[in-house]
């Protein structure tokens, strides 16, 4: 990455005689060698971009991708020309741009439009800022931060999830051939490049620590909501999602492994990967949204690159006799002095123990704080229904193919159970409004729907008139609602039509008015608390496709 999104072996060397003449002056032209690892990483990243456009449904357009890449390329060429009076192929800069475009998303981008220029300037601006950090924030003649990493972290923190968001942890089911190809490209390409650069130990140590720490997080109760999931992601699902996430693998292989921002020695690089894992796990532990977890992950690397000089004081000098994991472990156990370092191995060991205590304590506290995210279904909720819903009276239910493709369990029978829950929720909503039961509303509704019903309850309290609706549903079509820019999670759209009867009663419960009318609407349903399917919104019916 040459200090950007992918590692570089050496700066390209000008080939004698290769030049270009401009206004009568000759300027050298420097192109990368075919064995330059930046070209290999570029092949991996461009393959992922292609798969994202043709098979994985990435929420990013070609002009947005090109805006990031071309901006960094032009900036790098201009800066290099000013310093060297030669034209140098901007391999590292273009990887910074392509890395930004691979991870950055603008939620308001039109879905499925591969050629939209929507807010291309955000990609361009963030990519430019990321590249410029390489030249502005420096230490001992080299940049401190991985440019794409620090640029993305600051963009997500400053702009927030309503304007920008990272690539999802989960891309597509393994039944999608493009997903299998993406995994193969990342794992094979990443392993070959990092092994060649001597950074495979960094990758392995980070992944082991991240896996172990995430297991502790999951076991202690951490959950997060994600736009691609119907319910909060918890337990084994949380662990599997993170440790097998293609985004995590990209971060592991192509962002952590920047030779300019990691220690030079073998022990230092291994310890760096492990400590990035520790910091990432600690930052991710209290997060309750996927957005927060992803930003925490990226921020872990930003923090560790900033404190890398401190780490280098604790590990053997690069190339020294003790610069092996076995030798360093022997020094730590024996309490002997490592060559070229001021601190003794005992003090290093104490620091490691202290770090382990902080890790375990932090994970335990975070786990306990996250346990309140999930709520079980209220006891005997359906038993509180004044009139039970008869499934035998249900109309035919149709399920969009994309719903079954996303979750094969929501076929005809699965959808029928959810429609039954919708009918029960609507009946309980009406009952809660008539009885002034705010707790019952919270048991069946969530989000925008709950807020609207609570507003109705307050209005009834102030006016003395309560309006409630009874729905006679004729047909239901189940569709998929995938949000962008919000961490509310994946929802089902229940497109329904039929007849609604609205009754208004006074404080004494006497009927004031009753009206009936046809209706057509879409209720959004989601397992927002991890248990019952809740009604989360009432939305306009989408246009026919």
Protein backbone atom coordinates (compact mmCIF):
# COMPACT_ATOMS: atom_id res chain seq x y z
CA UNK A 1 0.00 0.00 0.00
CA UNK A 2 2.99 2.23 0.10
CA UNK A 3 1.36 3.95 3.05
CA UNK A 4 -2.11 3.88 1.57
CA UNK A 5 -4.51 0.97 1.08
CA UNK A 6 -2.01 -1.67 -0.03
CA UNK A 7 1.65 -2.40 0.66
CA UNK A 8 4.54 -1.57 -1.64
CA UNK A 9 7.91 -3.27 -1.88
CA UNK A 10 10.04 -0.55 -3.41
CA UNK A 11 9.58 2.78 -5.08
CA UNK A 12 9.56 2.34 -8.87
CA UNK A 13 12.78 3.14 -10.65
CA UNK A 14 12.90 5.15 -13.84
CA UNK A 15 13.77 3.19 -16.96
CA UNK A 16 16.58 4.86 -18.95
CA UNK A 17 15.26 6.59 -22.04
CA UNK A 18 11.61 6.58 -20.91
CA UNK A 19 10.51 10.20 -20.92
CA UNK A 20 8.02 12.68 -22.30
CA UNK A 21 8.66 16.07 -23.89
CA UNK A 22 6.49 19.03 -22.90
CA UNK A 23 7.12 22.52 -24.29
CA UNK A 24 10.56 21.50 -25.41
CA UNK A 25 11.61 19.98 -22.08
CA UNK A 26 12.11 16.29 -21.39
CA UNK A 27 10.71 14.79 -18.21
CA UNK A 28 11.40 11.24 -16.96
CA UNK A 29 8.45 8.85 -16.78
CA UNK A 30 8.46 6.28 -13.97
CA UNK A 31 6.19 3.26 -14.21
CA UNK A 32 5.74 0.44 -11.68
CA UNK A 33 7.49 -2.89 -12.16
CA UNK A 34 5.39 -5.91 -12.97
CA UNK A 35 6.45 -7.49 -9.64
CA UNK A 36 5.39 -4.43 -7.65
CA UNK A 37 3.01 -5.70 -4.96
CA UNK A 38 0.85 -2.62 -5.43
CA UNK A 39 -0.18 -3.94 -8.83
CA UNK A 40 -1.14 -7.26 -7.28
CA UNK A 41 -3.24 -5.57 -4.60
CA UNK A 42 -4.80 -3.37 -7.28
CA UNK A 43 -5.84 -6.52 -9.15
CA UNK A 44 -7.55 -7.84 -6.00
CA UNK A 45 -9.34 -4.57 -5.25
CA UNK A 46 -10.48 -3.99 -8.84
CA UNK A 47 -11.80 -7.56 -8.97
CA UNK A 48 -13.83 -6.86 -5.82
CA UNK A 49 -15.14 -3.62 -7.34
CA UNK A 50 -16.22 -5.56 -10.43
CA UNK A 51 -17.89 -8.31 -8.41
CA UNK A 52 -19.63 -5.64 -6.36
CA UNK A 53 -21.13 -4.06 -9.46
CA UNK A 54 -22.16 -7.21 -11.34
CA UNK A 55 -22.98 -9.75 -8.64
CA UNK A 56 -22.97 -8.41 -5.09
CA UNK A 57 -25.13 -5.32 -5.41
CA UNK A 58 -22.65 -2.89 -3.85
CA UNK A 59 -24.33 0.40 -3.02
CA UNK A 60 -21.76 2.48 -4.91
CA UNK A 61 -21.61 3.65 -8.53
CA UNK A 62 -18.84 3.57 -11.11
CA UNK A 63 -18.53 7.40 -11.23
CA UNK A 64 -18.21 7.48 -7.42
CA UNK A 65 -15.42 4.90 -7.60
CA UNK A 66 -13.64 6.76 -10.41
CA UNK A 67 -13.98 10.09 -8.58
CA UNK A 68 -11.98 8.72 -5.64
CA UNK A 69 -9.34 7.00 -7.77
CA UNK A 70 -8.78 9.82 -10.26
CA UNK A 71 -8.64 12.47 -7.54
CA UNK A 72 -5.86 10.70 -5.67
CA UNK A 73 -4.02 9.90 -8.90
CA UNK A 74 -3.99 13.53 -10.08
CA UNK A 75 -2.94 14.79 -6.65
CA UNK A 76 -0.09 12.30 -6.36
CA UNK A 77 1.20 13.01 -9.87
CA UNK A 78 1.14 16.76 -9.21
CA UNK A 79 2.88 16.50 -5.83
CA UNK A 80 5.53 14.10 -7.13
CA UNK A 81 6.17 16.21 -10.22
CA UNK A 82 6.65 19.30 -8.06
CA UNK A 83 9.23 17.47 -5.95
CA UNK A 84 11.08 15.41 -8.57
CA UNK A 85 10.25 17.04 -11.93
CA UNK A 86 9.25 13.62 -13.24
CA UNK A 87 5.99 11.83 -13.96
CA UNK A 88 5.62 8.89 -11.59
CA UNK A 89 2.83 6.36 -11.92
CA UNK A 90 0.67 6.99 -8.79
CA UNK A 91 0.26 3.35 -7.80
CA UNK A 92 -0.03 3.93 -4.04
CA UNK A 93 -2.32 6.92 -4.44
CA UNK A 94 -4.68 5.04 -6.73
CA UNK A 95 -4.87 2.27 -4.15
CA UNK A 96 -5.82 4.87 -1.58
CA UNK A 97 -8.62 6.05 -3.86
CA UNK A 98 -9.84 2.57 -4.72
CA UNK A 99 -9.70 1.59 -1.05
CA UNK A 100 -11.81 4.61 -0.11
CA UNK A 101 -14.34 3.72 -2.81
CA UNK A 102 -14.44 0.08 -1.70
CA UNK A 103 -15.32 0.92 1.90
CA UNK A 104 -17.12 4.28 1.70
CA UNK A 105 -20.88 4.45 1.06
CA UNK A 106 -23.25 7.39 0.70
CA UNK A 107 -26.65 6.22 1.99
CA UNK A 108 -28.69 8.43 -0.34
CA UNK A 109 -27.16 6.94 -3.50
CA UNK A 110 -29.95 5.58 -5.75
CA UNK A 111 -30.15 1.82 -5.36
CA UNK A 112 -29.11 -0.16 -8.42
CA UNK A 113 -27.93 2.85 -10.45
CA UNK A 114 -24.41 1.91 -11.50
CA UNK A 115 -23.75 5.19 -13.35
CA UNK A 116 -25.11 7.86 -11.04
CA UNK A 117 -22.88 10.83 -10.17
CA UNK A 118 -24.75 11.26 -6.88
CA UNK A 119 -22.47 13.10 -4.41
CA UNK A 120 -19.35 12.03 -6.27
CA UNK A 121 -17.62 14.98 -4.67
CA UNK A 122 -17.83 13.29 -1.26
CA UNK A 123 -15.75 10.41 -2.58
CA UNK A 124 -13.36 12.85 -4.21
CA UNK A 125 -13.03 15.05 -1.12
CA UNK A 126 -12.53 12.21 1.36
CA UNK A 127 -10.01 10.54 -0.94
CA UNK A 128 -8.09 13.81 -1.37
CA UNK A 129 -8.00 14.43 2.37
CA UNK A 130 -6.86 10.87 3.00
CA UNK A 131 -3.98 11.16 0.55
CA UNK A 132 -2.86 14.55 1.88
CA UNK A 133 -2.45 13.14 5.40
CA UNK A 134 0.40 11.09 3.93
CA UNK A 135 2.34 14.29 3.26
CA UNK A 136 1.21 16.38 6.24
CA UNK A 137 1.37 14.01 9.24
CA UNK A 138 4.90 12.60 9.19
CA UNK A 139 7.49 11.23 11.59
CA UNK A 140 11.16 10.53 10.82
CA UNK A 141 10.59 11.17 7.13
CA UNK A 142 7.61 8.80 6.77
CA UNK A 143 3.87 9.12 7.17
CA UNK A 144 2.37 8.11 10.51
CA UNK A 145 -1.10 6.92 9.51
CA UNK A 146 -2.41 4.65 6.81
CA UNK A 147 -4.01 7.39 4.66
CA UNK A 148 -7.20 5.58 3.66
CA UNK A 149 -7.71 4.36 7.23
CA UNK A 150 -7.40 7.72 8.97
CA UNK A 151 -9.40 9.47 6.26
CA UNK A 152 -12.30 7.06 6.54
CA UNK A 153 -12.34 7.14 10.34
CA UNK A 154 -12.49 10.93 10.45
CA UNK A 155 -15.13 11.03 7.71
CA UNK A 156 -17.41 8.59 9.54
CA UNK A 157 -17.00 10.34 12.89
CA UNK A 158 -17.44 13.89 11.56
CA UNK A 159 -20.14 13.32 8.94
CA UNK A 160 -22.11 10.62 10.77
CA UNK A 161 -24.14 7.66 9.54
CA UNK A 162 -26.84 9.79 7.87
CA UNK A 163 -24.31 11.09 5.31
CA UNK A 164 -21.71 8.32 5.00
CA UNK A 165 -21.33 4.74 6.17
CA UNK A 166 -18.84 1.88 5.75
CA UNK A 167 -19.21 -1.25 3.66
CA UNK A 168 -21.36 -3.90 5.35
CA UNK A 169 -19.88 -6.72 7.42
CA UNK A 170 -22.16 -9.12 5.48
CA UNK A 171 -22.32 -8.93 1.67
CA UNK A 172 -24.40 -11.80 0.33
CA UNK A 173 -25.32 -15.45 1.06
CA UNK A 174 -22.82 -18.11 0.03
CA UNK A 175 -25.37 -19.34 -2.50
CA UNK A 176 -24.32 -16.31 -4.56
CA UNK A 177 -21.38 -17.39 -6.81
CA UNK A 178 -19.92 -13.88 -6.69
CA UNK A 179 -19.54 -14.23 -2.92
CA UNK A 180 -17.51 -17.43 -3.29
CA UNK A 181 -15.27 -15.73 -5.85
CA UNK A 182 -14.85 -12.69 -3.58
CA UNK A 183 -13.73 -14.86 -0.66
CA UNK A 184 -11.26 -16.70 -2.89
CA UNK A 185 -9.82 -13.47 -4.31
CA UNK A 186 -9.38 -11.92 -0.86
CA UNK A 187 -7.91 -14.98 0.85
CA UNK A 188 -5.61 -16.14 -1.95
CA UNK A 189 -4.54 -12.68 -3.10
CA UNK A 190 -4.12 -11.36 0.42
CA UNK A 191 -2.12 -14.36 1.61
CA UNK A 192 0.25 -14.24 -1.37
CA UNK A 193 0.93 -10.51 -1.03
CA UNK A 194 1.37 -10.44 2.76
CA UNK A 195 3.55 -13.57 2.74
CA UNK A 196 5.81 -12.00 0.15
CA UNK A 197 6.12 -8.86 2.27
CA UNK A 198 6.79 -10.78 5.47
CA UNK A 199 3.53 -9.56 7.02
CA UNK A 200 1.55 -12.79 7.21
CA UNK A 201 2.33 -13.06 10.94
CA UNK A 202 0.70 -9.65 11.42
CA UNK A 203 -2.43 -10.89 9.68
CA UNK A 204 -2.60 -14.12 11.68
CA UNK A 205 -1.96 -12.50 15.08
CA UNK A 206 -4.63 -9.87 14.47
CA UNK A 207 -7.23 -12.41 13.32
CA UNK A 208 -6.58 -14.74 16.28
CA UNK A 209 -6.94 -11.92 18.83
CA UNK A 210 -10.00 -10.50 17.07
CA UNK A 211 -11.62 -13.95 17.00
CA UNK A 212 -10.92 -14.62 20.68
CA UNK A 213 -11.98 -11.15 21.79
CA UNK A 214 -15.17 -11.25 19.73
CA UNK A 215 -16.01 -14.62 21.29
CA UNK A 216 -15.76 -13.02 24.74
CA UNK A 217 -17.86 -10.08 23.58
CA UNK A 218 -20.53 -12.37 22.16
CA UNK A 219 -20.57 -14.63 25.22
CA UNK A 220 -20.94 -11.63 27.54
CA UNK A 221 -24.05 -10.42 25.72
CA UNK A 222 -22.96 -7.96 23.05
CA UNK A 223 -25.37 -7.46 20.15
CA UNK A 224 -25.60 -4.94 17.35
CA UNK A 225 -28.30 -4.03 14.87
CA UNK A 226 -27.48 -4.13 11.17
CA UNK A 227 -29.39 -3.04 8.09
CA UNK A 228 -29.05 -6.52 6.55
CA UNK A 229 -30.43 -8.41 9.57
CA UNK A 230 -34.05 -8.77 10.70
CA UNK A 231 -33.00 -8.95 14.36
CA UNK A 232 -30.03 -7.78 16.46
CA UNK A 233 -26.95 -9.86 15.69
CA UNK A 234 -25.92 -11.70 18.86
CA UNK A 235 -24.09 -14.73 20.19
CA UNK A 236 -22.71 -17.17 17.65
CA UNK A 237 -24.15 -15.12 14.79
CA UNK A 238 -22.21 -12.07 15.96
CA UNK A 239 -18.97 -14.06 16.21
CA UNK A 240 -19.39 -15.68 12.80
CA UNK A 241 -20.40 -12.40 11.17
CA UNK A 242 -17.28 -10.60 12.36
CA UNK A 243 -14.59 -13.26 12.00
CA UNK A 244 -15.76 -14.35 8.53
CA UNK A 245 -16.74 -10.91 7.26
CA UNK A 246 -15.19 -10.09 3.88
CA UNK A 247 -14.85 -6.49 5.06
CA UNK A 248 -12.85 -7.68 8.08
CA UNK A 249 -10.65 -9.76 5.77
CA UNK A 250 -10.01 -6.75 3.53
CA UNK A 251 -9.11 -4.68 6.59
CA UNK A 252 -6.84 -7.48 7.82
CA UNK A 253 -4.98 -8.19 4.60
CA UNK A 254 -4.85 -4.81 2.91
CA UNK A 255 -5.11 -2.06 5.52
CA UNK A 256 -3.23 -3.26 8.59
CA UNK A 257 -0.33 -4.50 6.45
CA UNK A 258 1.18 -1.17 5.40
CA UNK A 259 4.98 -1.60 5.70
CA UNK A 260 5.45 2.11 6.39
CA UNK A 261 3.11 2.16 9.39
CA UNK A 262 3.99 -1.14 11.09
CA UNK A 263 7.17 -2.01 13.02
CA UNK A 264 10.05 -3.34 10.97
CA UNK A 265 11.00 -6.39 13.05
CA UNK A 266 9.29 -9.78 13.06
CA UNK A 267 8.34 -9.61 16.73
CA UNK A 268 7.21 -6.01 16.36
CA UNK A 269 4.97 -6.83 13.42
CA UNK A 270 3.42 -9.80 15.19
CA UNK A 271 2.81 -7.81 18.36
CA UNK A 272 1.43 -4.91 16.31
CA UNK A 273 -1.19 -7.16 14.70
CA UNK A 274 -2.17 -8.61 18.08
CA UNK A 275 -2.46 -5.20 19.73
CA UNK A 276 -4.52 -3.82 16.86
CA UNK A 277 -6.84 -6.74 17.56
CA UNK A 278 -6.98 -5.87 21.27
CA UNK A 279 -7.79 -2.21 20.63
CA UNK A 280 -10.38 -3.07 17.98
CA UNK A 281 -12.12 -5.56 20.28
CA UNK A 282 -12.20 -3.07 23.16
CA UNK A 283 -13.60 -0.31 20.97
CA UNK A 284 -16.17 -2.62 19.36
CA UNK A 285 -17.38 -4.16 22.64
CA UNK A 286 -19.84 -1.42 23.70
CA UNK A 287 -21.16 -0.74 20.19
CA UNK A 288 -24.84 -1.52 19.57
CA UNK A 289 -25.01 -0.72 15.85
CA UNK A 290 -23.09 -2.09 12.91
CA UNK A 291 -22.02 1.46 12.04
CA UNK A 292 -20.46 1.88 15.47
CA UNK A 293 -18.76 -1.52 15.31
CA UNK A 294 -17.25 -0.81 11.89
CA UNK A 295 -15.97 2.64 12.83
CA UNK A 296 -14.53 1.19 16.05
CA UNK A 297 -12.71 -1.46 14.02
CA UNK A 298 -11.15 1.12 11.70
CA UNK A 299 -10.32 3.40 14.63
CA UNK A 300 -8.38 0.60 16.32
CA UNK A 301 -5.78 0.72 13.55
CA UNK A 302 -5.66 4.52 13.64
CA UNK A 303 -4.86 4.45 17.36
CA UNK A 304 -2.20 1.77 17.04
CA UNK A 305 -0.39 3.50 14.18
CA UNK A 306 -0.26 6.62 16.35
CA UNK A 307 1.31 4.75 19.28
CA UNK A 308 3.55 2.50 17.18
CA UNK A 309 6.74 4.31 18.36
CA UNK A 310 5.87 3.29 21.93
CA UNK A 311 5.41 -0.34 20.91
CA UNK A 312 8.78 -0.36 19.17
CA UNK A 313 10.47 0.38 22.51
CA UNK A 314 9.06 -2.86 23.94
CA UNK A 315 10.20 -5.26 21.21
CA UNK A 316 13.63 -6.41 20.02
CA UNK A 317 15.46 -4.31 17.47
CA UNK A 318 14.72 -5.40 13.88
CA UNK A 319 17.18 -8.03 12.68
CA UNK A 320 18.69 -8.56 16.14
CA UNK A 321 19.36 -12.01 17.58
CA UNK A 322 16.27 -11.77 19.77
CA UNK A 323 13.97 -10.73 16.91
CA UNK A 324 12.14 -14.06 16.78
CA UNK A 325 8.96 -15.02 18.58
CA UNK A 326 10.65 -17.97 20.27
CA UNK A 327 13.65 -15.92 21.37
CA UNK A 328 11.50 -13.05 22.61
CA UNK A 329 9.22 -15.40 24.54
CA UNK A 330 12.28 -17.01 26.18
CA UNK A 331 13.59 -13.59 27.22
CA UNK A 332 10.21 -12.64 28.68
CA UNK A 333 9.91 -15.88 30.66
CA UNK A 334 13.49 -15.73 31.93
CA UNK A 335 13.27 -12.05 32.72
CA UNK A 336 16.47 -11.28 30.82
CA UNK A 337 17.40 -8.10 29.00
CA UNK A 338 16.68 -7.96 25.26
CA UNK A 339 19.32 -6.56 22.99
CA UNK A 340 19.06 -2.89 22.17
CA UNK A 341 16.16 -2.10 24.50
CA UNK A 342 16.02 -0.12 27.71
CA UNK A 343 13.08 -1.84 29.39
CA UNK A 344 13.57 -5.30 30.85
CA UNK A 345 11.58 -8.32 29.81
CA UNK A 346 9.95 -8.48 33.25
CA UNK A 347 8.52 -5.01 32.73
CA UNK A 348 7.33 -6.06 29.32
CA UNK A 349 5.67 -9.08 30.84
CA UNK A 350 4.00 -6.89 33.45
CA UNK A 351 2.72 -4.61 30.72
CA UNK A 352 1.28 -7.60 28.86
CA UNK A 353 -0.47 -8.86 32.01
CA UNK A 354 -1.88 -5.39 32.67
CA UNK A 355 -3.11 -5.24 29.07
CA UNK A 356 -4.82 -8.62 29.45
CA UNK A 357 -6.54 -7.46 32.65
CA UNK A 358 -7.75 -4.29 30.94
CA UNK A 359 -9.01 -6.36 27.98
CA UNK A 360 -10.96 -8.84 30.10
CA UNK A 361 -12.34 -6.14 32.38
CA UNK A 362 -13.37 -3.94 29.49
CA UNK A 363 -15.07 -6.79 27.67
CA UNK A 364 -16.92 -7.85 30.81
CA UNK A 365 -18.20 -4.32 31.47
CA UNK A 366 -19.16 -3.84 27.85
CA UNK A 367 -20.93 -7.18 27.77
CA UNK A 368 -22.97 -6.34 30.85
CA UNK A 369 -23.93 -2.96 29.42
CA UNK A 370 -25.01 -4.53 26.14
CA UNK A 371 -27.22 -7.18 27.69
CA UNK A 372 -30.11 -4.76 27.92
CA UNK A 373 -30.35 -4.45 24.15
CA UNK A 374 -32.48 -7.56 23.79
CA UNK A 375 -35.93 -7.86 25.26
CA UNK A 376 -37.97 -11.02 25.42
CA UNK A 377 -41.60 -11.21 24.35
CA UNK A 378 -43.97 -10.11 27.16
CA UNK A 379 -45.42 -13.08 29.01
CA UNK A 380 -48.84 -14.26 27.74
CA UNK A 381 -49.04 -11.39 25.26
CA UNK A 382 -51.45 -13.12 22.90
CA UNK A 383 -53.57 -14.19 25.87
CA UNK A 384 -54.36 -10.50 26.37
CA UNK A 385 -56.10 -10.28 22.99
CA UNK A 386 -59.81 -9.54 23.43
CA UNK A 387 -60.55 -11.37 20.16
CA UNK A 388 -58.21 -14.04 18.81
CA UNK A 389 -57.14 -13.86 15.17
CA UNK A 390 -58.27 -16.89 13.18
CA UNK A 391 -55.54 -17.96 10.71
CA UNK A 392 -58.16 -19.86 8.70
CA UNK A 393 -59.63 -16.55 7.56
CA UNK A 394 -56.36 -15.33 6.06
CA UNK A 395 -56.19 -14.41 2.36
CA UNK A 396 -53.61 -15.79 -0.04
CA UNK A 397 -50.14 -14.51 0.72
CA UNK A 398 -47.48 -13.87 -1.93
CA UNK A 399 -43.77 -13.60 -1.14
CA UNK A 400 -41.32 -11.74 -3.37
CA UNK A 401 -38.43 -13.84 -4.66
CA UNK A 402 -35.88 -11.46 -3.11
CA UNK A 403 -37.32 -12.20 0.36
CA UNK A 404 -36.84 -15.97 -0.03
CA UNK A 405 -33.40 -15.38 -1.54
CA UNK A 406 -32.38 -13.31 1.48
CA UNK A 407 -33.89 -15.71 4.02
CA UNK A 408 -35.13 -19.07 2.76
CA UNK A 409 -37.15 -19.61 5.96
CA UNK A 410 -39.55 -16.84 4.95
CA UNK A 411 -41.34 -18.87 2.29
CA UNK A 412 -45.09 -19.48 2.24
CA UNK A 413 -45.35 -21.04 5.71
CA UNK A 414 -42.84 -18.69 7.31
CA UNK A 415 -44.55 -15.66 5.80
CA UNK A 416 -47.95 -16.91 6.99
CA UNK A 417 -46.71 -16.94 10.59
CA UNK A 418 -45.42 -13.37 10.23
CA UNK A 419 -48.71 -12.19 8.71
CA UNK A 420 -50.49 -13.74 11.69
CA UNK A 421 -48.20 -11.77 13.98
CA UNK A 422 -49.00 -8.59 12.01
CA UNK A 423 -52.73 -9.19 12.48
CA UNK A 424 -52.19 -9.78 16.19
CA UNK A 425 -50.07 -6.63 16.46
CA UNK A 426 -52.75 -4.51 14.77
CA UNK A 427 -55.45 -5.92 17.05
CA UNK A 428 -53.31 -5.32 20.14
CA UNK A 429 -52.53 -1.77 19.00
CA UNK A 430 -56.25 -1.00 18.74
CA UNK A 431 -56.89 -2.60 22.14
CA UNK A 432 -54.01 -0.66 23.75
CA UNK A 433 -55.38 2.65 22.42
CA UNK A 434 -58.86 1.93 23.75
CA UNK A 435 -57.49 0.91 27.16
CA UNK A 436 -54.79 3.60 27.34
CA UNK A 437 -52.16 0.86 27.81
CA UNK A 438 -48.77 2.32 26.84
CA UNK A 439 -46.91 -0.84 27.91
CA UNK A 440 -48.96 -2.96 25.53
CA UNK A 441 -48.06 -0.64 22.65
CA UNK A 442 -44.37 -1.09 23.43
CA UNK A 443 -44.84 -4.87 23.27
CA UNK A 444 -46.06 -4.88 19.66
CA UNK A 445 -44.65 -1.74 18.02
CA UNK A 446 -41.24 -0.13 17.68
CA UNK A 447 -39.54 2.86 16.10
CA UNK A 448 -41.65 5.25 14.00
CA UNK A 449 -44.79 3.14 14.44
CA UNK A 450 -44.50 3.22 18.23
CA UNK A 451 -43.91 6.97 18.25
CA UNK A 452 -47.02 7.54 16.11
CA UNK A 453 -49.16 5.36 18.38
CA UNK A 454 -47.82 7.04 21.51
CA UNK A 455 -48.75 10.38 19.97
CA UNK A 456 -52.29 9.03 19.39
CA UNK A 457 -52.41 7.93 23.05
CA UNK A 458 -51.38 11.39 24.29
CA UNK A 459 -53.94 13.04 22.02
CA UNK A 460 -56.68 10.76 23.37
CA UNK A 461 -55.69 11.65 26.91
CA UNK A 462 -55.96 15.37 26.24
CA UNK A 463 -59.13 15.36 24.11
CA UNK A 464 -61.04 12.50 25.72
CA UNK A 465 -61.67 10.93 22.30
CA UNK A 466 -59.96 7.67 21.36
CA UNK A 467 -59.77 6.47 17.76
CA UNK A 468 -58.89 2.85 16.99
CA UNK A 469 -58.82 0.88 13.75
CA UNK A 470 -59.82 -2.66 12.89
CA UNK A 471 -58.36 -4.09 9.68
CA UNK A 472 -60.02 -6.70 7.46
CA UNK A 473 -57.10 -7.69 5.21
CA UNK A 474 -57.90 -9.11 1.76
CA UNK A 475 -54.38 -9.74 0.46
CA UNK A 476 -50.75 -9.41 1.53
CA UNK A 477 -47.55 -9.26 -0.51
CA UNK A 478 -44.33 -9.70 1.47
CA UNK A 479 -41.41 -7.67 0.17
CA UNK A 480 -37.92 -6.79 1.39
CA UNK A 481 -37.01 -3.40 2.87
CA UNK A 482 -33.26 -2.76 2.98
CA UNK A 483 -32.48 0.56 4.70
CA UNK A 484 -29.54 2.78 3.86
CA UNK A 485 -28.04 5.32 6.20
CA UNK A 486 -29.84 3.91 9.24
CA UNK A 487 -28.91 1.12 11.61
CA UNK A 488 -32.49 -0.05 12.13
CA UNK A 489 -31.96 -3.40 10.48
CA UNK A 490 -33.58 -5.25 7.64
CA UNK A 491 -37.39 -5.18 7.57
CA UNK A 492 -40.22 -6.95 5.78
CA UNK A 493 -42.72 -4.81 3.91
CA UNK A 494 -46.23 -6.22 4.25
CA UNK A 495 -48.07 -4.63 1.31
CA UNK A 496 -51.73 -5.05 2.25
CA UNK A 497 -55.18 -3.99 1.08
CA UNK A 498 -58.69 -4.50 2.37
CA UNK A 499 -61.16 -2.59 4.54
CA UNK A 500 -60.43 -0.58 7.68
CA UNK A 501 -63.10 0.29 10.24
CA UNK A 502 -62.30 3.27 12.45
CA UNK A 503 -64.15 3.82 15.71
CA UNK A 504 -64.06 6.90 17.91
CA UNK A 505 -65.12 6.63 21.55
CA UNK A 506 -65.39 9.12 24.41
CA UNK A 507 -63.92 8.82 27.92
CA UNK A 508 -66.84 6.67 29.04
CA UNK A 509 -66.22 4.24 26.18
CA UNK A 510 -69.38 5.26 24.35
CA UNK A 511 -69.21 5.01 20.54
CA UNK A 512 -69.12 8.46 18.95
CA UNK A 513 -68.57 7.47 15.32
CA UNK A 514 -67.74 4.53 13.10
CA UNK A 515 -66.51 4.67 9.49
CA UNK A 516 -65.38 2.00 7.04
CA UNK A 517 -63.23 2.54 3.97
CA UNK A 518 -60.91 0.60 1.69
CA UNK A 519 -57.21 0.82 2.50
CA UNK A 520 -53.91 0.02 0.83
CA UNK A 521 -50.75 0.40 2.84
CA UNK A 522 -47.42 -1.21 3.69
CA UNK A 523 -46.48 -2.12 7.24
CA UNK A 524 -42.79 -2.61 7.95
CA UNK A 525 -42.02 -5.43 10.36
CA UNK A 526 -38.76 -6.30 12.04
CA UNK A 527 -37.53 -8.32 14.99
CA UNK A 528 -36.21 -5.12 16.52
CA UNK A 529 -35.62 -6.60 19.97
CA UNK A 530 -34.58 -10.05 18.85
CA UNK A 531 -37.80 -11.86 19.77
CA UNK A 532 -41.24 -11.02 18.37
CA UNK A 533 -41.81 -9.49 14.93
CA UNK A 534 -42.79 -5.89 15.72
CA UNK A 535 -44.53 -3.34 13.52
CA UNK A 536 -41.95 -0.58 13.03
CA UNK A 537 -43.57 1.74 10.46
CA UNK A 538 -46.49 2.33 8.10
CA UNK A 539 -45.21 3.36 4.68
CA UNK A 540 -46.59 4.26 1.24
CA UNK A 541 -47.12 1.33 -1.08
CA UNK A 542 -44.15 1.09 -3.46
CA UNK A 543 -44.75 1.50 -7.18
CA UNK A 544 -45.42 -1.71 -9.09
CA UNK A 545 -42.33 -3.22 -10.68
